[in-house]
Protein backbone atom coordinates (compact mmCIF):
# COMPACT_ATOMS: atom_id res chain seq x y z
CA MET A 1 -6.85 6.16 14.65
CA ALA A 2 -4.64 3.82 12.51
CA ALA A 3 -2.31 1.58 14.73
CA ARG A 4 1.35 1.90 13.68
CA THR A 5 4.07 -0.81 13.90
CA ILE A 6 7.53 -0.02 13.72
CA VAL A 7 9.42 -2.45 11.59
CA ALA A 8 12.95 -1.78 10.35
CA PRO A 9 15.43 0.83 9.59
CA PRO A 10 15.06 2.10 6.00
CA ALA A 11 18.27 0.63 4.84
CA ALA A 12 17.12 -2.88 5.97
CA ILE A 13 14.60 -3.11 3.12
CA ASP A 14 15.95 -2.96 -0.36
CA PHE A 15 13.23 -1.57 -2.43
CA ASP A 16 15.91 -0.94 -5.25
CA ALA A 17 16.44 -4.61 -5.54
CA ILE A 18 12.69 -5.14 -5.58
CA ARG A 19 12.24 -2.67 -8.50
CA ALA A 20 15.36 -4.20 -10.33
CA GLU A 21 13.65 -7.68 -10.06
CA LEU A 22 10.41 -6.38 -11.58
CA ALA A 23 12.55 -4.47 -14.46
CA ILE A 24 11.06 -1.16 -13.30
CA PRO A 25 13.00 1.99 -14.83
CA ASP A 26 15.45 3.59 -12.82
CA GLY A 27 15.97 7.00 -13.86
CA TYR A 28 14.59 8.65 -16.99
CA PRO A 29 16.48 8.66 -20.35
CA ALA A 30 18.47 11.86 -21.14
CA ASP A 31 17.13 12.50 -24.41
CA ALA A 32 13.47 12.30 -23.14
CA VAL A 33 14.38 14.70 -20.24
CA ALA A 34 15.96 17.17 -22.51
CA GLN A 35 12.73 17.00 -24.62
CA ALA A 36 10.66 17.65 -21.51
CA ARG A 37 12.82 20.52 -20.47
CA GLU A 38 12.33 22.03 -23.95
CA SER A 39 8.70 21.61 -24.06
CA ALA A 40 8.23 22.94 -20.50
CA ARG A 41 9.98 26.21 -21.98
CA THR A 42 7.80 26.39 -24.94
CA ALA A 43 4.47 24.89 -24.04
CA ARG A 44 1.47 26.53 -25.75
CA VAL A 45 -0.88 28.60 -23.65
CA ALA A 46 -4.72 28.43 -24.36
CA ASP A 47 -6.50 31.50 -25.71
CA GLU A 48 -9.23 31.27 -23.09
CA PRO A 49 -7.40 31.99 -19.77
CA THR A 50 -9.92 31.77 -16.60
CA ASP A 51 -9.83 33.23 -13.17
CA ILE A 52 -11.89 30.78 -11.60
CA PRO A 53 -10.60 29.88 -7.98
CA PHE A 54 -9.66 26.38 -8.69
CA VAL A 55 -8.21 24.17 -5.89
CA THR A 56 -6.54 20.96 -5.74
CA LEU A 57 -7.23 17.96 -3.38
CA ASP A 58 -4.67 15.28 -3.03
CA PRO A 59 -2.63 13.17 -0.41
CA PRO A 60 -0.25 15.25 1.62
CA GLY A 61 3.11 16.19 -0.03
CA SER A 62 1.80 15.44 -3.68
CA ARG A 63 3.49 17.39 -6.35
CA ASP A 64 2.08 15.61 -9.51
CA LEU A 65 -1.28 17.47 -9.35
CA ASP A 66 -3.59 16.31 -12.24
CA GLN A 67 -6.85 17.84 -11.13
CA ALA A 68 -8.24 21.06 -9.80
CA VAL A 69 -11.96 21.64 -9.06
CA HIS A 70 -14.43 24.63 -8.40
CA LEU A 71 -18.01 23.92 -7.44
CA SER A 72 -20.93 26.34 -7.39
CA ARG A 73 -24.68 26.55 -7.51
CA ARG A 74 -26.57 27.04 -10.71
CA GLY A 75 -30.51 27.58 -10.27
CA ASP A 76 -31.57 24.76 -8.51
CA GLY A 77 -28.61 22.59 -9.62
CA TYR A 78 -24.89 22.78 -9.64
CA LEU A 79 -22.02 23.74 -11.75
CA VAL A 80 -19.02 21.52 -11.50
CA ARG A 81 -15.83 22.81 -13.12
CA TYR A 82 -13.02 20.30 -13.24
CA ALA A 83 -9.60 21.17 -14.63
CA ILE A 84 -7.16 18.81 -15.91
CA ALA A 85 -3.56 19.03 -16.49
CA ASP A 86 -3.02 19.31 -20.35
CA VAL A 87 -0.34 16.90 -20.67
CA ALA A 88 -0.74 16.66 -24.64
CA GLY A 89 0.49 20.41 -24.80
CA PHE A 90 3.88 19.11 -23.41
CA VAL A 91 4.51 15.77 -25.17
CA GLU A 92 5.03 15.56 -28.89
CA PRO A 93 3.25 12.63 -30.58
CA ALA A 94 6.57 11.33 -31.47
CA GLY A 95 10.13 11.52 -30.14
CA PRO A 96 12.00 10.14 -27.13
CA LEU A 97 9.49 11.52 -24.42
CA ALA A 98 6.46 9.86 -26.12
CA ARG A 99 8.19 6.50 -26.52
CA GLU A 100 9.47 6.48 -22.95
CA THR A 101 5.77 7.29 -21.78
CA TRP A 102 4.30 4.40 -23.74
CA ARG A 103 7.16 2.10 -22.33
CA ARG A 104 5.93 2.88 -18.74
CA GLY A 105 2.22 3.27 -19.16
CA ALA A 106 1.71 4.86 -15.77
CA THR A 107 3.41 6.33 -12.66
CA LEU A 108 4.46 3.42 -10.21
CA TYR A 109 4.57 3.94 -6.55
CA SER A 110 6.98 2.34 -4.14
CA PRO A 111 7.32 3.07 -0.29
CA ASP A 112 10.32 5.18 -0.73
CA ARG A 113 9.77 6.88 -4.08
CA SER A 114 7.64 6.96 -7.24
CA THR A 115 8.62 5.92 -10.78
CA PRO A 116 7.05 8.74 -12.79
CA LEU A 117 5.28 8.41 -16.15
CA HIS A 118 6.62 11.65 -17.18
CA PRO A 119 10.06 13.38 -16.09
CA LEU A 120 9.66 15.30 -13.09
CA GLU A 121 10.27 18.53 -14.95
CA LEU A 122 6.83 18.01 -16.11
CA SER A 123 4.91 15.88 -13.67
CA GLU A 124 6.12 17.83 -10.74
CA GLY A 125 6.68 21.06 -12.70
CA ALA A 126 5.54 22.67 -15.81
CA ALA A 127 2.44 20.49 -16.27
CA SER A 128 1.41 20.04 -12.81
CA LEU A 129 -1.40 22.35 -11.44
CA LEU A 130 0.64 23.60 -8.52
CA PRO A 131 -0.96 26.73 -6.69
CA GLY A 132 -0.12 30.33 -7.65
CA VAL A 133 1.15 29.57 -11.08
CA ARG A 134 -0.84 29.63 -14.37
CA ARG A 135 -0.94 26.40 -16.04
CA PRO A 136 -2.65 25.07 -19.40
CA ALA A 137 -5.53 22.81 -18.63
CA VAL A 138 -8.47 21.04 -20.05
CA VAL A 139 -11.49 22.40 -18.34
CA TRP A 140 -14.53 20.41 -17.99
CA THR A 141 -17.58 22.34 -17.20
CA ILE A 142 -20.56 19.97 -15.97
CA VAL A 143 -24.08 21.25 -15.26
CA LEU A 144 -25.87 19.13 -12.86
CA ASN A 145 -29.74 19.31 -12.02
CA ALA A 146 -31.24 19.30 -8.56
CA VAL A 147 -30.52 15.63 -8.12
CA GLY A 148 -27.10 15.67 -9.35
CA GLU A 149 -27.59 14.30 -12.95
CA PRO A 150 -25.50 15.92 -15.79
CA VAL A 151 -27.71 18.00 -18.14
CA ASP A 152 -25.02 19.82 -20.14
CA VAL A 153 -21.19 19.23 -20.64
CA ASP A 154 -18.37 21.38 -22.15
CA VAL A 155 -14.83 20.64 -22.52
CA ARG A 156 -12.25 22.81 -23.79
CA ARG A 157 -8.50 23.89 -23.32
CA SER A 158 -7.93 26.95 -20.98
CA THR A 159 -5.39 28.37 -18.82
CA ILE A 160 -5.79 28.29 -14.92
CA ALA A 161 -4.30 29.21 -11.76
CA SER A 162 -5.02 27.01 -8.69
CA VAL A 163 -5.49 29.25 -5.52
CA ALA A 164 -4.82 26.50 -2.81
CA GLN A 165 -3.11 23.03 -2.66
CA LEU A 166 -5.43 21.20 -0.17
CA ASP A 167 -4.72 17.67 1.28
CA TYR A 168 -7.03 14.94 2.44
CA PRO A 169 -6.37 14.80 6.12
CA SER A 170 -6.70 18.78 6.50
CA ALA A 171 -9.84 18.92 4.31
CA GLN A 172 -11.46 16.03 6.31
CA ALA A 173 -10.79 18.06 9.49
CA ASP A 174 -12.51 20.93 7.68
CA LEU A 175 -15.17 18.81 6.53
CA GLY A 176 -16.02 17.65 10.12
CA ALA A 177 -15.81 21.34 11.43
CA ASP A 178 -18.03 22.48 8.47
CA ARG A 179 -15.42 24.99 7.17
CA LEU A 180 -14.38 23.62 3.89
CA HIS A 181 -12.68 25.77 1.44
CA PRO A 182 -15.26 27.91 -0.51
CA SER A 183 -14.30 26.20 -3.81
CA ILE A 184 -15.24 22.86 -2.63
CA ALA A 185 -17.87 23.87 0.09
CA LEU A 186 -20.54 21.84 -2.10
CA LEU A 187 -18.45 18.77 -2.24
CA PRO A 188 -20.57 16.96 0.54
CA GLU A 189 -23.84 18.00 -1.08
CA ILE A 190 -22.90 17.03 -4.66
CA GLY A 191 -20.80 13.92 -3.65
CA ARG A 192 -23.85 12.41 -1.85
CA LEU A 193 -26.21 13.16 -4.51
CA ARG A 194 -23.89 11.37 -6.97
CA ARG A 195 -23.33 8.59 -4.58
CA GLU A 196 -27.08 8.02 -4.37
CA LEU A 197 -27.34 7.91 -8.14
CA ALA A 198 -24.34 5.32 -8.18
CA ARG A 199 -26.52 3.09 -5.62
CA ARG A 200 -29.42 3.28 -7.95
CA ARG A 201 -27.35 2.40 -11.02
CA GLY A 202 -26.15 -0.89 -9.20
CA ALA A 203 -22.58 0.68 -8.85
CA ILE A 204 -20.30 -1.49 -6.57
CA THR A 205 -17.99 0.42 -4.35
CA LEU A 206 -15.72 -1.65 -2.03
CA ASP A 207 -14.29 0.83 0.43
CA ILE A 208 -12.04 -1.83 2.26
CA PRO A 209 -9.44 -0.40 4.64
CA ASP A 210 -5.95 -0.95 3.13
CA THR A 211 -2.60 -1.77 4.71
CA GLU A 212 -0.04 0.81 3.62
CA VAL A 213 3.64 0.99 3.89
CA VAL A 214 4.84 4.52 5.02
CA ARG A 215 7.74 6.00 6.83
CA GLY A 216 7.14 6.80 10.37
CA PRO A 217 8.15 10.17 12.15
CA ASP A 218 11.46 8.49 13.36
CA GLY A 219 12.36 7.49 9.93
CA HIS A 220 11.50 3.90 10.21
CA TRP A 221 9.05 1.82 7.97
CA THR A 222 5.55 1.14 9.13
CA LEU A 223 2.73 -0.61 8.35
CA VAL A 224 -0.63 1.46 8.67
CA ARG A 225 -4.11 0.04 8.16
CA ARG A 226 -5.83 3.13 6.74
CA ALA A 227 -9.57 3.40 5.98
CA VAL A 228 -10.76 5.68 3.03
CA LEU A 229 -11.58 9.18 4.38
CA GLU A 230 -15.01 10.52 3.61
CA ILE A 231 -13.64 13.60 1.75
CA GLU A 232 -11.90 11.07 -0.40
CA ARG A 233 -14.80 9.29 -1.25
CA LEU A 234 -16.79 12.47 -2.08
CA ASN A 235 -13.83 13.87 -4.19
CA ALA A 236 -13.78 10.68 -6.13
CA GLU A 237 -17.34 11.31 -7.05
CA ILE A 238 -16.38 14.27 -9.16
CA SER A 239 -13.57 12.37 -11.01
CA LEU A 240 -16.25 9.45 -11.81
CA LEU A 241 -18.69 11.94 -13.04
CA THR A 242 -16.22 13.43 -15.40
CA GLY A 243 -15.13 9.97 -16.58
CA MET A 244 -18.72 9.09 -17.14
CA CYS A 245 -19.33 12.35 -19.12
CA ALA A 246 -16.21 11.59 -21.32
CA ALA A 247 -17.54 8.03 -22.03
CA ARG A 248 -20.75 9.43 -23.16
CA ILE A 249 -19.00 11.89 -25.54
CA MET A 250 -16.97 9.22 -27.15
CA LEU A 251 -19.85 6.56 -27.47
CA ASP A 252 -21.85 9.43 -29.11
CA GLY A 253 -19.13 10.15 -31.57
CA GLY A 254 -18.23 6.57 -32.27
CA ILE A 255 -14.55 6.77 -31.37
CA GLY A 256 -12.82 6.39 -28.02
CA LEU A 257 -11.03 4.45 -25.34
CA LEU A 258 -13.34 3.23 -22.26
CA ARG A 259 -12.36 1.79 -18.88
CA THR A 260 -14.60 -1.46 -18.98
CA LEU A 261 -15.35 -3.94 -16.39
CA PRO A 262 -18.20 -6.76 -17.21
CA PRO A 263 -21.16 -6.25 -14.60
CA PRO A 264 -21.45 -9.12 -12.23
CA SER A 265 -23.46 -12.11 -13.77
CA SER A 266 -26.34 -13.88 -12.03
CA ASP A 267 -23.88 -16.89 -11.53
CA GLN A 268 -21.25 -14.58 -9.92
CA VAL A 269 -23.68 -13.32 -7.74
CA GLN A 270 -25.23 -16.64 -6.68
CA VAL A 271 -21.66 -18.01 -5.81
CA LEU A 272 -21.23 -14.93 -3.54
CA ARG A 273 -24.51 -15.67 -1.83
CA ARG A 274 -23.48 -19.25 -1.16
CA VAL A 275 -19.97 -18.71 0.06
CA THR A 276 -21.13 -15.89 2.43
CA ALA A 277 -24.21 -17.47 3.65
CA VAL A 278 -22.27 -18.68 6.77
CA LEU A 279 -21.70 -14.96 7.69
CA GLY A 280 -25.38 -14.50 8.83
CA ILE A 281 -25.62 -11.05 6.89
CA SER A 282 -29.03 -10.26 5.95
CA TRP A 283 -29.43 -10.49 2.16
CA PRO A 284 -33.12 -10.58 1.01
CA ALA A 285 -33.56 -12.15 -2.38
CA SER A 286 -34.88 -9.16 -3.98
CA MET A 287 -31.86 -6.97 -2.74
CA PRO A 288 -29.15 -6.28 -5.35
CA VAL A 289 -25.67 -7.01 -4.23
CA SER A 290 -24.67 -3.35 -4.54
CA GLU A 291 -27.31 -2.49 -1.79
CA VAL A 292 -25.85 -5.13 0.58
CA ILE A 293 -22.36 -3.89 0.18
CA ALA A 294 -23.58 -0.30 0.60
CA GLY A 295 -24.74 -1.27 4.12
CA LEU A 296 -21.61 -3.01 5.47
CA ASP A 297 -18.95 -1.75 7.63
CA ALA A 298 -15.40 -3.11 7.08
CA ASP A 299 -14.35 -2.71 10.51
CA ARG A 300 -16.64 -5.41 11.53
CA PRO A 301 -15.08 -8.86 10.98
CA ARG A 302 -18.20 -10.62 9.19
CA ASP A 303 -18.50 -7.53 7.07
CA ALA A 304 -14.99 -7.41 6.13
CA ALA A 305 -15.05 -11.06 5.07
CA PHE A 306 -18.03 -10.48 2.87
CA LEU A 307 -16.29 -7.36 1.20
CA GLU A 308 -13.20 -9.59 0.60
CA ASP A 309 -15.33 -12.01 -1.27
CA ALA A 310 -17.07 -9.46 -3.19
CA VAL A 311 -13.83 -8.16 -4.64
CA ARG A 312 -14.50 -11.28 -6.98
CA LEU A 313 -17.23 -9.29 -8.75
CA LEU A 314 -14.63 -6.76 -9.67
CA ARG A 315 -12.16 -8.66 -11.45
CA GLY A 316 -11.65 -8.50 -15.20
CA ALA A 317 -11.24 -4.58 -15.64
CA GLY A 318 -9.63 -3.47 -18.70
CA TYR A 319 -9.47 -0.92 -21.46
CA THR A 320 -11.64 -1.08 -24.85
CA ALA A 321 -10.86 0.85 -27.72
CA PHE A 322 -13.26 1.41 -30.57
CA ASP A 323 -13.30 3.48 -33.73
CA GLY A 324 -16.71 3.13 -35.69
CA ALA A 325 -18.72 0.09 -34.43
CA LEU A 326 -19.43 0.69 -30.82
CA PRO A 327 -18.04 -2.21 -28.45
CA GLU A 328 -20.50 -4.88 -27.42
CA GLN A 329 -19.23 -4.62 -23.96
CA ARG A 330 -19.12 -0.90 -22.93
CA GLN A 331 -20.08 -0.95 -19.12
CA HIS A 332 -18.08 -0.74 -16.00
CA GLY A 333 -19.56 -2.82 -13.35
CA GLY A 334 -18.01 -0.95 -10.63
CA VAL A 335 -19.29 2.33 -11.77
CA GLY A 336 -22.83 1.07 -13.07
CA GLY A 337 -22.22 2.62 -16.67
CA PRO A 338 -19.91 3.43 -19.24
CA TYR A 339 -16.83 5.13 -18.15
CA ALA A 340 -13.45 6.25 -19.35
CA HIS A 341 -10.30 7.59 -17.71
CA VAL A 342 -9.43 11.20 -18.51
CA THR A 343 -8.66 12.82 -15.08
CA ALA A 344 -5.07 11.64 -14.51
CA PRO A 345 -3.01 12.21 -17.58
CA LEU A 346 0.17 12.98 -15.53
CA ARG A 347 0.02 9.47 -14.10
CA ARG A 348 -1.82 7.42 -16.55
CA LEU A 349 -0.83 7.30 -20.27
CA ALA A 350 -4.40 6.49 -21.72
CA ASP A 351 -5.88 9.70 -20.22
CA ARG A 352 -4.08 11.91 -22.55
CA PHE A 353 -5.45 10.22 -25.80
CA ALA A 354 -9.00 9.90 -24.43
CA THR A 355 -9.02 13.44 -23.44
CA GLU A 356 -7.86 14.42 -26.90
CA VAL A 357 -10.78 12.44 -28.34
CA CYS A 358 -13.17 14.25 -26.24
CA LEU A 359 -11.98 17.64 -27.05
CA ALA A 360 -12.09 16.93 -30.87
CA LEU A 361 -15.61 15.34 -30.68
CA HIS A 362 -17.06 18.17 -28.62
CA ALA A 363 -15.55 20.91 -30.87
CA GLY A 364 -16.97 19.01 -33.94
CA ARG A 365 -13.49 18.46 -35.52
CA PRO A 366 -11.60 15.42 -36.60
CA VAL A 367 -9.84 13.57 -33.88
CA PRO A 368 -6.14 14.16 -34.46
CA ASP A 369 -4.29 11.17 -36.24
CA TRP A 370 -1.75 10.86 -33.49
CA ALA A 371 -4.55 10.17 -30.86
CA ARG A 372 -6.61 8.03 -33.34
CA SER A 373 -3.86 5.81 -34.51
CA ALA A 374 -2.81 5.26 -30.84
CA LEU A 375 -6.07 3.87 -29.61
CA PRO A 376 -5.72 0.18 -30.67
CA GLY A 377 -2.27 -0.12 -28.86
CA LEU A 378 -3.33 1.41 -25.59
CA PRO A 379 -5.44 -1.44 -24.00
CA ALA A 380 -2.49 -3.81 -23.97
CA THR A 381 0.05 -1.00 -22.67
CA MET A 382 -2.20 -0.05 -19.85
CA THR A 383 -2.98 -3.69 -18.85
CA ALA A 384 0.66 -4.38 -18.73
CA ALA A 385 1.10 -1.15 -16.50
CA ASP A 386 -1.64 -2.23 -14.03
CA ARG A 387 -0.15 -5.52 -13.83
CA LYS A 388 3.37 -4.16 -12.96
CA ALA A 389 1.72 -1.87 -10.28
CA SER A 390 0.06 -4.60 -8.70
CA GLU A 391 3.29 -6.78 -8.71
CA LEU A 392 5.27 -3.92 -7.30
CA ALA A 393 2.82 -3.20 -4.19
CA LYS A 394 2.57 -6.81 -3.32
CA ALA A 395 6.24 -7.38 -3.42
CA CYS A 396 6.93 -4.27 -1.18
CA ALA A 397 4.29 -4.94 1.28
CA GLY A 398 5.64 -8.55 1.54
CA ALA A 399 9.01 -7.30 2.10
CA VAL A 400 7.99 -4.96 4.94
CA SER A 401 5.62 -7.74 6.40
CA ALA A 402 8.47 -10.26 6.60
CA PHE A 403 10.54 -7.50 8.53
CA VAL A 404 7.75 -6.55 10.94
CA LEU A 405 7.41 -10.33 11.84
CA HIS A 406 11.04 -11.38 11.78
CA GLY A 407 12.49 -12.27 15.32
CA ARG A 408 8.85 -12.73 16.57
CA GLU A 409 8.56 -16.59 15.69
CA GLY A 410 6.43 -18.42 18.19
CA GLU A 411 4.51 -15.53 19.25
CA ALA A 412 0.40 -15.49 18.90
CA PHE A 413 -1.58 -13.02 17.19
CA ARG A 414 -5.04 -12.28 16.88
CA ALA A 415 -6.48 -12.32 13.47
CA THR A 416 -9.66 -12.25 11.36
CA VAL A 417 -10.47 -14.99 8.64
CA LEU A 418 -11.04 -12.81 5.65
CA GLN A 419 -11.49 -15.42 2.82
CA LEU A 420 -11.09 -19.16 2.51
CA GLU A 421 -9.61 -20.76 -0.61
CA PRO A 422 -10.86 -24.37 -0.30
CA GLN A 423 -9.17 -25.35 -3.68
CA LYS A 424 -5.59 -24.44 -2.14
CA GLY A 425 -6.61 -25.65 1.29
CA ARG A 426 -5.71 -22.40 2.92
CA ALA A 427 -7.28 -19.07 4.37
CA ILE A 428 -6.38 -15.45 4.10
CA VAL A 429 -6.22 -13.90 7.57
CA LEU A 430 -5.60 -10.56 8.52
CA LEU A 431 -3.57 -10.09 11.83
CA ASN A 432 -4.87 -7.32 14.15
CA GLU A 433 -1.51 -5.96 14.90
CA PRO A 434 0.56 -5.70 13.06
CA PRO A 435 -1.81 -5.40 9.97
CA VAL A 436 -0.44 -8.04 8.03
CA ARG A 437 -2.31 -10.51 5.69
CA ALA A 438 -1.19 -14.19 5.78
CA HIS A 439 -1.98 -17.45 4.66
CA CYS A 440 -2.62 -20.39 6.88
CA PRO A 441 -4.21 -23.94 6.80
CA ALA A 442 -8.07 -23.67 6.25
CA ASP A 443 -9.10 -26.74 8.48
CA GLY A 444 -12.02 -25.79 10.60
CA LEU A 445 -11.98 -22.07 9.79
CA VAL A 446 -14.92 -20.04 9.16
CA GLU A 447 -14.95 -16.55 7.25
CA GLY A 448 -15.68 -13.72 9.37
CA SER A 449 -14.44 -15.44 12.47
CA VAL A 450 -11.68 -14.22 14.77
CA LEU A 451 -8.89 -16.61 15.98
CA THR A 452 -5.46 -16.86 17.57
CA VAL A 453 -2.58 -17.58 14.96
CA ARG A 454 0.98 -18.38 15.66
CA LEU A 455 3.93 -17.15 13.72
CA MET A 456 5.97 -20.29 12.65
CA SER A 457 8.55 -18.58 10.36
CA ALA A 458 9.48 -15.16 8.90
CA ASP A 459 12.46 -14.72 6.46
CA PRO A 460 13.19 -11.29 5.30
CA ALA A 461 15.65 -12.61 2.75
CA THR A 462 12.74 -14.41 0.70
CA HIS A 463 9.86 -12.07 2.05
CA ARG A 464 8.10 -15.14 3.36
CA PHE A 465 6.33 -15.94 6.28
CA VAL A 466 4.14 -18.77 7.72
CA VAL A 467 1.41 -18.74 10.42
CA GLU A 468 -0.84 -21.43 11.72
CA PRO A 469 -4.05 -21.64 13.83
CA ALA A 470 -2.87 -21.63 17.50
């Protein structure tokens, strides 16, 4: 059960000011909205409608629904059908709407609202895979063998109608009661097979609980330490599978856009061994780091400290465009192979273009000029959007953390040492309650240990707070 800490009335935290400081757009340009409304009215409908009972699975209350899934058996293997919102059918290659999506790059999320990539008329309306309405979609049909490996892939435009909008908490309860919706009843079976294949590939998955800012039942802002649900992990495997199939199509076709991350080098792994040796976690010389991580539990202080250090192995993610010669670095170290983003076009600009490349290559026709010419500029645009999203998340979390601590100066809190930063002479600690990350002097501290810290100051105006070992 996630612990909740009441912090401050919503009006006390000025998220608008944070967005303004970060130059995050406020509202959508009128000409782009007008074009979105017109495209919603005149959007094309695919010639191949399907009556497959797709369902969506997202956080509660979501309206920007990118993906719908249907799973079934096929011989001794499986058939994965994954429908993705066909955003390219709503956005003309040129014009005010296209220009604004390029300026934004991605949907940005604040605690009080989102700043959408597309106008709400599309992202939560005509392009969203909402239940009970027919929507244009790009349908991936992936045949898996008995161990979960893809043996055949098809991708084409279609028209679908989702039969149910599921959410993670309810689906998690259904998973525990063995009553999942029939369209995803095979998700545990397929997801676990895919996870085992990822382990064999050396994929690195860090399921670290995150501190989220949410509004509590009484309307006040709250900090919640939330672990990733099992149903979320299983569902993510379908998206990862589709992204790997997309990468394979583009690499075979000699054109595309990959999501890349250099695999951990031997030097990086050795550094991780050294800095985590004090934790006393068993790591045989022959065991890959991915195997060590797979056996850890982030709820245990020592394991949490190890996972925080392992985050260093996943730094340096980016996008790699190519047209002709294949890129020298085409791997994603976290996935354990080539990978592409194609499953969230309502929320990520790159997915619209990568999907169009896959559709063309699979059909044996030329990639449209509007998609091909956009590839070189996408890496920089997406990197900037990722950076902006990170800045916004940190700023909002810092503001709420300062408010939750303000007025409690002098109090002592139990905390876990997550990471030492010797070059800065400080440590990163996580307070048990409220679940706030903070820096404190590192003298004498050991990663993975539990200690008492005292709050020295907390300033809501600057979002800064200081703790010291007690």
